[in-house]
Amino acid sequence: MAKIYGGHLAAKYLKEVEKVRMVFTISGGHIENLLDGLNHYQIRTIDVRHEQAAAMMAHAWSIYENEPGVCLVTAGPGFTNALTGIANAFLDNAPLVVLCGRHPLRDDLTGALQEMNQIDMVKPVTKWSATCYDIRRIPEYLSIAFRQAASGRPGPVFLELPPDILFAAVEEKSVALPAKKKHRTSMHPHDDELREAAKIINSAQKPLFIGGSGVRASGSTEMLNAFIEKTGFPFSLLNNGRGALPDTHPLSINDGGFTGIMTGAPQADVIIAAGIRFNWVMQATKLFPDAKVVRIDIEEHEIDRNRTAEVGLAGDCKDVLERLLPLVENRDHTGWLTKLKNAYAAYLTTEREQRKTPSDPIHPNRLVARIMEVFGEDAYYVADGGDTSYYGLAGFSSMHPAGVLVPAGALLGCLGTGIPFAMAGKLAHPDKPVIVFNGDGSFGFNSMEFDTAVRHDIPIICVVNNDCAWGMIKHSQTMSLGEDRTTCAELGMRHYEKMVEGLGGYGELVTEDADIIPAIQRAVNSKKPACINVVTDPTVTSPATVMFYQNFAGF
């Protein structure tokens, strides 16, 4: 009878049961047989230059494709390199399946190459973690991993596969592949809670709906639209939920970026928060101390975190909205919406003028507007950096779900996400432009992934917002310590575009407004991964920096 190696058995399961199309990885001796299995079963592998990027690309793939992303890393430093990406996915509730090598089981406690207790290290930032000890159970363990990653509140899972089982062989027919199943059991709010929530919603005079990643993960687009249009609630969609309804929806306040939330939340008398954490981004509810809050979350323990909700509705967002819909009244909040839009428009007057007006040096708001002139809303945008993320979030708009992502905005505040996320976005949507707006500081974390982009023909466009500093840190230090006391914040002028050219991509330096669009167009025409290094005003401070400084100043 034919035999199959453990690594090939794992690959067979990934291909035939989970229908995995893409695995993000770096080669390593402990995982060699599984890599060979991926090749044998024609699963595309994207080999990156740092395991952090592999985890981040798999994280992004899960968002763009709405399915678990898969990364494969080797033992020891391969594992520790991936930890930051795993932690970021954990705090972003992304269904990430991490397959990892290990020192041989037979060599436990002998000082084997790359021997370490990986399981205990990764437990705090995963939903589930395990080591497979039996070649015949590889499909079973993989099945558990994928179910755990995608069920309930999504998140990363971790499976160790020792070389003892990856390089071992077993009779192929003796191992059955478990069928892929989705169990539909879910919790529902009590009828009394739904009625109480509807009572609050129907009494609202200045309402606001804030939706997060859970809104899109639940597939609630149609139900959300029906609910919003019936209740008349102005809404903002944040994190990975942005794009579940378009920014151009008449009740959307996403055109105000985070300023819309900062302006609207303190004035609102009723807030529905669906599938979103009340974390530091929301100032842990300090933004709206007086509003009545209706909280919707698939994780019941999240309902009263940081603030007791007037009503907590535990369950899947789509299901909860469907149950609420017959109980809420048709309302028209046009007057409140107009007042709200006028309020944040007043705050944005200067920003909107900056987008229209050429300046020397170039203002980041103007740079974002020029990028939008080239690509418009039929594109995917990623922003990565401190101040850079603020400008991208405020200025980019897309017609696509997850069309504007700011992955550094998760709880971890993880810089370096932009290039890996953009590459995954381009792999998921090869027919659309994918642009990453990168701070010059954050560019440095994963800039060698341009080599990955060149080798695998992933033509992303990276526009560097180059203020020659860790801008958010520099300006915060200036406000707190003075201009003569900034420390470890200056980066200086660097030719990042030449680095990308050296790796085989397209690069161009821009210092004047008139050259921005022509440079971007030449980058597009090159059909290569490209870096447009734009020197911007080093004196500009974003509102986000001011807000964070004011918060930290209270310590």
Protein backbone atom coordinates (compact mmCIF):
# COMPACT_ATOMS: atom_id res chain seq x y z
CA MET A 1 0.00 0.00 0.00
CA ALA A 2 1.11 3.60 -0.68
CA LYS A 3 2.60 5.53 2.19
CA ILE A 4 2.43 9.26 2.87
CA TYR A 5 4.76 11.45 4.89
CA GLY A 6 3.34 13.52 7.75
CA GLY A 7 4.19 16.78 6.00
CA HIS A 8 2.41 15.63 2.85
CA LEU A 9 -0.57 14.48 4.90
CA ALA A 10 -0.86 17.96 6.43
CA ALA A 11 -0.66 19.56 2.99
CA LYS A 12 -3.25 17.13 1.62
CA TYR A 13 -5.68 18.13 4.36
CA LEU A 14 -5.07 21.85 3.74
CA LYS A 15 -5.71 21.43 0.02
CA GLU A 16 -8.57 18.95 -0.08
CA VAL A 17 -10.55 19.87 3.03
CA GLU A 18 -9.83 23.51 3.90
CA LYS A 19 -9.24 24.54 0.25
CA VAL A 20 -6.21 26.60 1.29
CA ARG A 21 -4.78 28.49 -1.69
CA MET A 22 -1.94 30.44 -0.09
CA VAL A 23 0.55 29.85 2.72
CA PHE A 24 2.98 32.53 3.94
CA THR A 25 6.27 31.14 5.13
CA ILE A 26 10.07 31.01 5.32
CA SER A 27 11.96 27.79 4.73
CA GLY A 28 13.48 25.87 7.62
CA GLY A 29 14.89 22.42 8.26
CA HIS A 30 12.26 21.39 10.80
CA ILE A 31 9.42 22.05 8.35
CA GLU A 32 11.08 20.87 5.13
CA ASN A 33 8.71 17.96 4.56
CA LEU A 34 5.63 20.12 4.98
CA LEU A 35 7.05 22.65 2.51
CA ASP A 36 7.58 19.79 0.08
CA GLY A 37 3.99 18.72 0.69
CA LEU A 38 2.68 22.19 -0.12
CA ASN A 39 4.61 22.08 -3.37
CA HIS A 40 3.33 18.57 -4.16
CA TYR A 41 -0.31 19.58 -3.62
CA GLN A 42 0.16 22.85 -5.52
CA ILE A 43 -0.61 25.21 -2.67
CA ARG A 44 1.04 28.52 -3.47
CA THR A 45 3.74 29.50 -0.99
CA ILE A 46 4.86 33.10 -0.52
CA ASP A 47 8.29 32.97 1.11
CA VAL A 48 9.00 36.23 2.90
CA ARG A 49 12.19 37.68 4.41
CA HIS A 50 11.06 37.75 8.05
CA GLU A 51 8.52 35.56 9.85
CA GLN A 52 6.81 38.65 11.26
CA ALA A 53 5.75 39.48 7.72
CA ALA A 54 4.48 35.93 7.16
CA ALA A 55 2.14 36.23 10.15
CA MET A 56 1.06 39.72 9.09
CA MET A 57 0.34 38.65 5.51
CA ALA A 58 -1.74 35.71 6.75
CA HIS A 59 -3.56 38.11 9.11
CA ALA A 60 -4.33 40.44 6.20
CA TRP A 61 -5.38 37.53 3.96
CA SER A 62 -8.00 36.57 6.56
CA ILE A 63 -9.48 40.07 6.33
CA TYR A 64 -9.45 40.42 2.55
CA GLU A 65 -10.67 36.89 1.85
CA ASN A 66 -12.89 36.44 4.94
CA GLU A 67 -11.30 33.05 5.66
CA PRO A 68 -8.51 31.89 7.99
CA GLY A 69 -5.05 32.93 6.82
CA VAL A 70 -2.26 30.37 7.14
CA CYS A 71 1.40 30.93 7.94
CA LEU A 72 4.12 28.32 8.40
CA VAL A 73 7.25 29.11 10.41
CA THR A 74 10.19 27.07 11.59
CA ALA A 75 11.17 26.45 15.20
CA GLY A 76 13.05 28.71 17.59
CA PRO A 77 13.83 32.12 16.09
CA GLY A 78 11.36 31.48 13.29
CA PHE A 79 8.70 31.14 15.97
CA THR A 80 9.84 34.14 18.05
CA ASN A 81 10.05 36.30 14.92
CA ALA A 82 6.39 35.53 14.23
CA LEU A 83 5.18 36.38 17.74
CA THR A 84 4.55 40.07 17.05
CA GLY A 85 2.36 39.23 14.07
CA ILE A 86 0.49 36.60 16.09
CA ALA A 87 -0.12 39.05 18.95
CA ASN A 88 -1.36 41.69 16.53
CA ALA A 89 -3.81 39.22 14.99
CA PHE A 90 -5.00 38.21 18.47
CA LEU A 91 -5.83 41.79 19.41
CA ASP A 92 -7.45 42.32 16.00
CA ASN A 93 -9.59 39.16 16.33
CA ALA A 94 -8.23 37.76 13.07
CA PRO A 95 -8.61 34.02 12.26
CA LEU A 96 -4.95 33.12 11.78
CA VAL A 97 -3.69 29.51 11.64
CA VAL A 98 -0.02 29.33 12.62
CA LEU A 99 1.74 26.06 11.80
CA CYS A 100 5.12 25.81 13.45
CA GLY A 101 8.11 23.52 13.49
CA ARG A 102 9.61 22.20 16.70
CA HIS A 103 12.69 20.39 17.91
CA PRO A 104 12.24 16.59 17.69
CA LEU A 105 10.15 14.97 20.38
CA ARG A 106 12.89 12.43 20.99
CA ASP A 107 15.32 15.25 21.85
CA ASP A 108 13.31 16.91 24.63
CA LEU A 109 15.55 18.32 27.38
CA THR A 110 18.77 17.46 25.54
CA GLY A 111 19.62 20.96 24.36
CA ALA A 112 18.48 20.26 20.83
CA LEU A 113 18.79 22.86 18.10
CA GLN A 114 16.10 25.52 18.62
CA GLU A 115 14.63 23.73 21.63
CA MET A 116 12.30 25.97 23.62
CA ASN A 117 8.87 25.91 25.23
CA GLN A 118 6.99 27.55 22.38
CA ILE A 119 3.53 26.53 23.59
CA ASP A 120 3.71 28.41 26.88
CA MET A 121 5.11 31.48 25.13
CA VAL A 122 2.31 31.66 22.59
CA LYS A 123 -0.65 30.73 24.83
CA PRO A 124 -1.47 34.29 25.97
CA VAL A 125 -1.91 35.51 22.38
CA THR A 126 -3.84 32.61 20.86
CA LYS A 127 -7.33 31.13 21.20
CA TRP A 128 -5.97 27.58 21.09
CA SER A 129 -2.54 25.97 20.97
CA ALA A 130 -1.39 22.35 20.79
CA THR A 131 1.38 19.97 19.79
CA CYS A 132 0.55 17.02 17.54
CA TYR A 133 2.33 13.83 18.69
CA ASP A 134 0.88 11.28 16.27
CA ILE A 135 1.14 11.33 12.47
CA ARG A 136 -2.31 9.76 12.14
CA ARG A 137 -3.87 12.63 14.07
CA ILE A 138 -2.44 15.43 11.90
CA PRO A 139 -5.74 15.93 9.98
CA GLU A 140 -7.72 15.89 13.24
CA TYR A 141 -5.50 18.52 14.83
CA LEU A 142 -5.65 20.71 11.71
CA SER A 143 -9.43 20.41 11.69
CA ILE A 144 -9.58 21.59 15.29
CA ALA A 145 -7.23 24.47 14.51
CA PHE A 146 -9.35 25.82 11.66
CA ARG A 147 -12.59 25.48 13.64
CA GLN A 148 -11.09 27.25 16.65
CA ALA A 149 -9.72 30.08 14.52
CA ALA A 150 -13.04 30.87 12.85
CA SER A 151 -15.65 30.05 15.49
CA GLY A 152 -17.17 32.57 17.90
CA ARG A 153 -14.88 35.54 18.21
CA PRO A 154 -12.18 34.78 15.62
CA GLY A 155 -8.51 34.69 16.55
CA PRO A 156 -5.13 33.07 15.93
CA VAL A 157 -4.39 29.44 16.77
CA PHE A 158 -1.05 27.68 17.01
CA LEU A 159 -0.16 24.10 16.08
CA GLU A 160 3.30 22.60 16.61
CA LEU A 161 4.26 19.86 14.19
CA PRO A 162 7.49 18.11 15.29
CA PRO A 163 9.80 16.69 12.61
CA ASP A 164 9.31 13.24 14.17
CA ILE A 165 5.82 13.19 12.65
CA LEU A 166 6.39 15.39 9.58
CA PHE A 167 9.18 13.13 8.27
CA ALA A 168 7.52 9.88 9.38
CA ALA A 169 5.39 7.86 6.94
CA VAL A 170 2.08 6.04 7.34
CA GLU A 171 -0.21 4.02 5.09
CA GLU A 172 -2.18 6.71 3.28
CA LYS A 173 -5.45 4.78 3.29
CA SER A 174 -5.21 4.22 7.04
CA VAL A 175 -5.81 7.93 7.73
CA ALA A 176 -9.20 9.44 6.94
CA LEU A 177 -9.53 13.18 6.37
CA PRO A 178 -12.27 14.68 8.55
CA ALA A 179 -14.99 16.56 6.70
CA LYS A 180 -15.05 20.32 7.07
CA LYS A 181 -18.05 21.39 9.12
CA LYS A 182 -19.47 24.66 10.36
CA HIS A 183 -21.64 24.38 13.44
CA ARG A 184 -24.39 26.99 13.46
CA THR A 185 -25.15 27.00 17.18
CA SER A 186 -25.02 30.50 18.64
CA MET A 187 -26.26 32.43 21.66
CA HIS A 188 -29.14 34.90 21.36
CA PRO A 189 -30.19 37.83 23.55
CA HIS A 190 -33.25 37.32 25.71
CA ASP A 191 -36.50 38.84 24.34
CA ASP A 192 -36.66 41.21 27.32
CA GLU A 193 -33.20 42.55 26.48
CA LEU A 194 -34.15 43.07 22.84
CA ARG A 195 -37.30 44.96 23.85
CA GLU A 196 -35.35 47.13 26.29
CA ALA A 197 -32.74 47.90 23.61
CA ALA A 198 -35.49 48.82 21.12
CA LYS A 199 -37.06 51.14 23.69
CA ILE A 200 -33.78 53.02 24.08
CA ILE A 201 -33.18 53.11 20.32
CA ASN A 202 -36.69 54.40 19.60
CA SER A 203 -36.33 57.19 22.15
CA ALA A 204 -33.02 58.49 20.76
CA GLN A 205 -32.79 62.11 19.67
CA LYS A 206 -29.08 62.27 18.87
CA PRO A 207 -28.10 58.68 18.07
CA LEU A 208 -24.89 57.20 16.73
CA PHE A 209 -24.07 53.67 15.51
CA ILE A 210 -20.43 52.62 15.82
CA GLY A 211 -19.54 49.32 14.15
CA GLY A 212 -16.27 47.43 14.24
CA SER A 213 -14.69 44.30 12.83
CA GLY A 214 -17.47 42.11 14.21
CA VAL A 215 -19.98 43.74 11.87
CA ARG A 216 -18.16 42.56 8.76
CA ALA A 217 -17.09 39.22 10.22
CA SER A 218 -20.75 38.36 10.76
CA GLY A 219 -21.62 39.03 7.11
CA SER A 220 -24.22 41.56 8.19
CA THR A 221 -24.05 44.03 5.29
CA GLU A 222 -27.66 43.67 4.12
CA MET A 223 -29.09 43.48 7.63
CA LEU A 224 -26.98 46.43 8.78
CA ASN A 225 -28.18 48.52 5.86
CA ALA A 226 -31.82 47.66 6.63
CA PHE A 227 -31.34 48.51 10.30
CA ILE A 228 -29.54 51.81 9.64
CA GLU A 229 -32.09 52.99 7.08
CA LYS A 230 -35.06 52.07 9.29
CA THR A 231 -33.70 53.71 12.46
CA GLY A 232 -32.08 56.65 10.67
CA PHE A 233 -28.97 56.31 12.85
CA PRO A 234 -25.86 58.13 11.60
CA PHE A 235 -23.02 55.60 11.63
CA SER A 236 -19.29 55.16 11.54
CA LEU A 237 -17.59 51.86 10.72
CA LEU A 238 -14.11 51.34 12.09
CA ASN A 239 -11.28 48.79 11.98
CA ASN A 240 -11.98 45.87 9.65
CA GLY A 241 -15.67 46.72 9.64
CA ARG A 242 -15.11 49.74 7.44
CA GLY A 243 -16.62 49.12 4.02
CA ALA A 244 -19.41 46.83 5.24
CA LEU A 245 -21.49 49.82 4.15
CA PRO A 246 -19.88 52.36 1.81
CA ASP A 247 -18.43 55.61 3.10
CA THR A 248 -20.71 57.33 0.57
CA HIS A 249 -23.88 56.08 2.30
CA PRO A 250 -26.00 59.17 3.15
CA LEU A 251 -26.00 58.30 6.87
CA SER A 252 -22.25 57.62 7.07
CA ILE A 253 -19.99 59.99 8.98
CA ASN A 254 -16.82 58.21 7.83
CA ASP A 255 -16.01 61.23 5.66
CA GLY A 256 -14.98 62.87 8.92
CA GLY A 257 -12.47 60.15 9.72
CA PHE A 258 -11.90 59.73 13.43
CA THR A 259 -12.82 63.39 13.89
CA GLY A 260 -16.42 62.42 13.14
CA ILE A 261 -16.40 60.01 16.09
CA MET A 262 -14.56 62.47 18.33
CA THR A 263 -17.17 65.11 17.54
CA GLY A 264 -20.31 62.99 17.48
CA ALA A 265 -19.84 60.61 20.41
CA PRO A 266 -19.70 63.28 23.15
CA GLN A 267 -22.96 64.82 21.86
CA ALA A 268 -24.87 61.58 21.32
CA ASP A 269 -27.62 60.54 23.71
CA VAL A 270 -27.77 56.93 22.45
CA ILE A 271 -24.89 54.89 21.06
CA ILE A 272 -25.12 51.42 19.57
CA ALA A 273 -21.68 49.79 19.64
CA ALA A 274 -21.61 46.62 17.53
CA GLY A 275 -18.65 44.27 17.23
CA ILE A 276 -16.13 46.79 18.56
CA ARG A 277 -14.02 47.01 21.69
CA PHE A 278 -14.07 50.02 23.96
CA ASN A 279 -10.28 50.29 24.03
CA TRP A 280 -7.74 53.12 23.97
CA VAL A 281 -8.88 54.16 20.48
CA MET A 282 -12.32 54.87 21.97
CA GLN A 283 -10.67 56.39 25.07
CA ALA A 284 -12.26 53.52 27.04
CA THR A 285 -15.68 55.30 26.74
CA LYS A 286 -14.46 58.64 28.15
CA LEU A 287 -15.69 60.07 24.85
CA PHE A 288 -19.33 59.54 25.80
CA PRO A 289 -19.87 59.50 29.57
CA ASP A 290 -23.52 60.54 29.37
CA ALA A 291 -24.88 58.53 26.43
CA LYS A 292 -27.03 55.45 26.88
CA VAL A 293 -25.19 52.52 25.35
CA VAL A 294 -26.59 49.44 23.62
CA ARG A 295 -23.73 46.98 23.20
CA ILE A 296 -23.68 44.10 20.69
CA ASP A 297 -20.83 41.59 20.84
CA ILE A 298 -20.37 37.90 20.14
CA GLU A 299 -18.28 37.63 23.32
CA GLU A 300 -20.58 38.11 26.33
CA HIS A 301 -17.65 38.99 28.61
CA GLU A 302 -16.88 42.01 26.40
CA ILE A 303 -20.33 43.58 26.90
CA ASP A 304 -19.54 45.58 30.04
CA ARG A 305 -15.79 46.05 29.63
CA ASN A 306 -14.76 49.60 30.59
CA ARG A 307 -18.39 50.68 30.91
CA THR A 308 -21.63 49.05 32.00
CA ALA A 309 -24.00 49.05 29.03
CA GLU A 310 -27.60 50.05 29.56
CA VAL A 311 -28.42 46.97 27.50
CA GLY A 312 -26.00 44.24 26.43
CA LEU A 313 -26.96 42.00 23.53
CA ALA A 314 -24.66 38.99 23.36
CA GLY A 315 -24.55 37.29 19.97
CA ASP A 316 -23.53 37.50 16.35
CA CYS A 317 -24.04 41.04 15.01
CA LYS A 318 -26.11 39.94 12.02
CA ASP A 319 -28.38 37.78 14.14
CA VAL A 320 -28.88 40.47 16.80
CA LEU A 321 -29.69 43.17 14.24
CA GLU A 322 -32.14 40.82 12.55
CA ARG A 323 -33.92 40.26 15.86
CA LEU A 324 -33.93 43.98 16.64
CA LEU A 325 -35.22 45.10 13.25
CA PRO A 326 -38.95 44.34 13.79
CA LEU A 327 -38.84 46.09 17.19
CA VAL A 328 -37.37 49.43 16.12
CA GLU A 329 -39.35 52.31 14.65
CA ASN A 330 -38.91 54.15 11.37
CA ARG A 331 -37.14 57.37 12.33
CA ASP A 332 -35.68 60.36 10.54
CA HIS A 333 -32.67 61.95 12.24
CA THR A 334 -31.75 64.29 9.36
CA GLY A 335 -31.63 67.35 11.60
CA TRP A 336 -29.18 65.71 14.00
CA LEU A 337 -27.09 64.31 11.13
CA THR A 338 -26.81 67.76 9.55
CA LYS A 339 -25.80 69.31 12.87
CA LEU A 340 -23.22 66.57 13.40
CA LYS A 341 -21.72 66.88 9.92
CA ASN A 342 -21.52 70.66 10.29
CA ALA A 343 -19.80 70.27 13.64
CA TYR A 344 -17.00 68.03 12.43
CA ALA A 345 -16.77 69.91 9.13
CA ALA A 346 -15.81 72.96 11.18
CA TYR A 347 -12.95 71.00 12.74
CA LEU A 348 -11.91 69.71 9.32
CA THR A 349 -11.94 73.07 7.51
CA THR A 350 -8.18 73.41 7.71
CA GLU A 351 -7.54 69.78 6.75
CA ARG A 352 -9.83 70.00 3.73
CA GLU A 353 -8.13 73.18 2.62
CA GLN A 354 -4.74 71.48 2.97
CA ARG A 355 -5.94 68.69 0.65
CA LYS A 356 -6.80 71.24 -2.05
CA THR A 357 -3.77 73.49 -1.77
CA PRO A 358 -0.20 72.80 -2.96
CA SER A 359 2.39 73.55 -0.32
CA ASP A 360 6.15 73.64 0.04
CA PRO A 361 7.08 71.48 1.84
CA ILE A 362 4.32 69.02 1.01
CA HIS A 363 1.62 68.55 3.65
CA PRO A 364 0.65 64.89 4.35
CA ASN A 365 -3.05 65.77 3.88
CA ARG A 366 -2.24 67.05 0.41
CA LEU A 367 -0.23 63.92 -0.35
CA VAL A 368 -3.18 61.68 0.55
CA ALA A 369 -5.50 63.78 -1.63
CA ARG A 370 -3.12 63.49 -4.59
CA ILE A 371 -2.99 59.71 -4.18
CA MET A 372 -6.80 59.65 -4.19
CA GLU A 373 -6.79 61.70 -7.41
CA VAL A 374 -4.88 58.93 -9.14
CA PHE A 375 -6.66 55.84 -7.82
CA GLY A 376 -10.06 56.99 -6.55
CA GLU A 377 -12.40 54.70 -4.66
CA ASP A 378 -11.88 51.62 -6.83
CA ALA A 379 -8.70 50.69 -4.99
CA TYR A 380 -7.44 49.24 -1.71
CA TYR A 381 -5.55 51.41 0.76
CA VAL A 382 -3.40 50.55 3.77
CA ALA A 383 -1.89 53.13 6.13
CA ASP A 384 1.01 52.36 8.43
CA GLY A 385 2.59 54.69 10.96
CA GLY A 386 1.65 57.10 13.73
CA ASP A 387 0.64 60.43 12.23
CA THR A 388 0.64 58.71 8.83
CA SER A 389 -2.20 56.42 9.95
CA TYR A 390 -4.28 59.42 10.99
CA TYR A 391 -3.87 61.12 7.61
CA GLY A 392 -4.63 57.90 5.74
CA LEU A 393 -7.71 57.11 7.83
CA ALA A 394 -9.05 60.64 7.34
CA GLY A 395 -8.29 61.01 3.63
CA PHE A 396 -8.66 57.63 1.95
CA SER A 397 -11.99 56.26 0.81
CA SER A 398 -12.82 53.01 -0.99
CA MET A 399 -15.94 51.36 -2.34
CA HIS A 400 -14.66 47.93 -1.27
CA PRO A 401 -15.04 46.04 2.01
CA ALA A 402 -11.79 46.42 3.95
CA GLY A 403 -10.83 48.96 1.30
CA VAL A 404 -9.18 51.22 3.88
CA LEU A 405 -7.17 49.43 6.57
CA VAL A 406 -5.07 50.92 9.34
CA PRO A 407 -3.69 47.71 10.89
CA ALA A 408 -1.45 49.61 13.30
CA GLY A 409 -4.67 50.83 14.95
CA ALA A 410 -5.33 47.54 16.73
CA LEU A 411 -4.67 47.35 20.46
CA LEU A 412 -1.02 46.48 19.88
CA GLY A 413 -0.33 49.68 17.92
CA CYS A 414 1.94 47.58 15.72
CA LEU A 415 4.00 49.45 13.13
CA GLY A 416 5.46 47.66 10.11
CA THR A 417 2.13 46.12 9.11
CA GLY A 418 1.65 48.20 5.96
CA ILE A 419 3.85 46.45 3.41
CA PRO A 420 2.82 42.88 4.39
CA PHE A 421 -0.86 43.88 4.46
CA ALA A 422 -0.61 45.56 1.06
CA MET A 423 1.08 42.51 -0.46
CA ALA A 424 -1.66 40.23 0.85
CA GLY A 425 -4.22 42.69 -0.48
CA LYS A 426 -2.69 42.58 -3.94
CA LEU A 427 -2.56 38.78 -3.89
CA ALA A 428 -6.24 38.72 -2.92
CA HIS A 429 -7.22 41.42 -5.46
CA PRO A 430 -4.70 41.28 -8.31
CA ASP A 431 -6.95 43.29 -10.64
CA LYS A 432 -7.15 46.33 -8.32
CA PRO A 433 -4.57 48.93 -7.31
CA VAL A 434 -3.24 48.41 -3.78
CA ILE A 435 -1.53 51.36 -2.16
CA VAL A 436 0.30 51.47 1.16
CA PHE A 437 0.80 54.91 2.71
CA ASN A 438 3.85 54.38 4.91
CA GLY A 439 5.58 56.51 7.48
CA ASP A 440 9.33 56.55 6.98
CA GLY A 441 9.84 55.05 10.44
CA SER A 442 7.38 52.20 9.98
CA PHE A 443 8.73 51.57 6.46
CA GLY A 444 11.96 50.31 8.02
CA PHE A 445 10.40 47.35 9.83
CA ASN A 446 9.46 45.27 6.81
CA SER A 447 10.97 47.12 3.86
CA MET A 448 13.00 44.03 2.84
CA GLU A 449 9.66 42.51 1.88
CA PHE A 450 10.02 44.46 -1.36
CA ASP A 451 12.34 41.59 -2.27
CA THR A 452 9.39 39.24 -1.63
CA ALA A 453 7.15 41.46 -3.75
CA VAL A 454 9.66 41.45 -6.62
CA ARG A 455 10.27 37.68 -6.52
CA HIS A 456 6.56 36.88 -6.43
CA ASP A 457 5.47 39.69 -8.78
CA ILE A 458 3.26 41.57 -6.32
CA PRO A 459 3.15 45.12 -7.74
CA ILE A 460 2.05 47.19 -4.77
CA ILE A 461 2.53 50.96 -4.72
CA CYS A 462 4.17 52.27 -1.54
CA VAL A 463 4.07 56.02 -0.95
CA VAL A 464 6.38 57.02 1.90
CA ASN A 465 5.30 60.00 3.99
CA ASN A 466 8.88 61.00 4.74
CA ASP A 467 9.15 63.62 7.48
CA CYS A 468 12.62 62.33 8.36
CA ALA A 469 11.54 61.36 11.89
CA TRP A 470 9.42 59.22 14.13
CA GLY A 471 6.91 62.02 13.69
CA MET A 472 4.32 61.19 16.36
CA ILE A 473 7.05 60.62 18.96
CA LYS A 474 9.02 63.69 17.95
CA HIS A 475 6.03 66.03 18.18
CA SER A 476 4.84 64.50 21.44
CA GLN A 477 8.32 65.00 22.93
CA THR A 478 8.34 68.57 21.67
CA MET A 479 5.03 69.29 23.42
CA SER A 480 6.09 67.66 26.67
CA LEU A 481 9.82 68.38 26.84
CA GLY A 482 10.57 71.18 24.38
CA GLU A 483 12.13 71.30 20.91
CA ASP A 484 15.69 71.01 22.27
CA ARG A 485 14.93 67.81 24.23
CA THR A 486 13.75 65.38 21.56
CA THR A 487 15.52 62.02 21.92
CA CYS A 488 15.79 59.07 19.51
CA ALA A 489 13.15 60.65 17.28
CA GLU A 490 15.12 61.98 14.30
CA LEU A 491 15.77 59.69 11.33
CA GLY A 492 17.15 62.10 8.77
CA MET A 493 16.76 62.05 5.00
CA ARG A 494 17.08 58.56 3.56
CA HIS A 495 16.63 57.40 -0.05
CA TYR A 496 14.19 54.56 0.50
CA GLU A 497 13.33 54.61 -3.19
CA LYS A 498 16.92 53.60 -4.04
CA MET A 499 16.66 50.63 -1.68
CA VAL A 500 13.59 49.42 -3.56
CA GLU A 501 15.35 50.01 -6.88
CA GLY A 502 18.25 47.92 -5.63
CA LEU A 503 15.87 45.07 -4.87
CA GLY A 504 14.47 45.15 -8.41
CA GLY A 505 11.46 47.40 -7.93
CA TYR A 506 10.66 50.92 -9.12
CA GLY A 507 11.69 53.92 -7.03
CA GLU A 508 11.37 57.67 -7.30
CA LEU A 509 12.03 60.64 -4.99
CA VAL A 510 9.50 63.49 -4.88
CA THR A 511 10.02 66.86 -3.23
CA GLU A 512 7.47 69.06 -5.04
CA ASP A 513 3.70 68.89 -5.26
CA ALA A 514 3.60 69.01 -9.05
CA ASP A 515 5.66 65.82 -9.26
CA ILE A 516 3.49 63.61 -7.03
CA ILE A 517 0.95 62.42 -9.58
CA PRO A 518 3.40 61.96 -12.49
CA ALA A 519 5.68 59.91 -10.22
CA ILE A 520 2.81 57.68 -9.09
CA GLN A 521 1.70 57.18 -12.68
CA ARG A 522 5.23 56.17 -13.71
CA ALA A 523 5.26 53.71 -10.82
CA VAL A 524 1.99 52.18 -12.02
CA ASN A 525 3.26 52.00 -15.59
CA SER A 526 6.41 50.20 -14.47
CA LYS A 527 4.22 47.24 -13.34
CA LYS A 528 6.78 46.62 -10.61
CA PRO A 529 6.54 46.85 -6.84
CA ALA A 530 7.20 50.54 -6.36
CA CYS A 531 8.27 53.07 -3.75
CA ILE A 532 7.53 56.77 -4.16
CA ASN A 533 9.54 58.52 -1.45
CA VAL A 534 7.81 61.87 -0.80
CA VAL A 535 9.54 64.41 1.42
CA THR A 536 6.85 66.03 3.58
CA ASP A 537 6.65 68.87 6.09
CA PRO A 538 8.55 67.82 9.25
CA THR A 539 6.75 70.42 11.40
CA VAL A 540 3.22 69.03 10.92
CA THR A 541 1.49 67.52 13.96
CA SER A 542 -1.65 65.45 13.53
CA PRO A 543 -4.69 65.75 15.83
CA ALA A 544 -4.05 62.15 16.85
CA THR A 545 -0.68 63.12 18.35
CA VAL A 546 -2.28 65.98 20.27
CA MET A 547 -4.98 63.62 21.62
CA PHE A 548 -2.47 60.96 22.70
CA TYR A 549 -0.20 63.57 24.29
CA GLN A 550 -3.12 64.98 26.28
CA ASN A 551 -4.05 61.49 27.47
CA PHE A 552 -0.51 60.58 28.52
CA ALA A 553 0.03 63.98 30.11
CA GLY A 554 -2.50 62.96 32.74
CA PHE A 555 -0.20 60.30 34.23
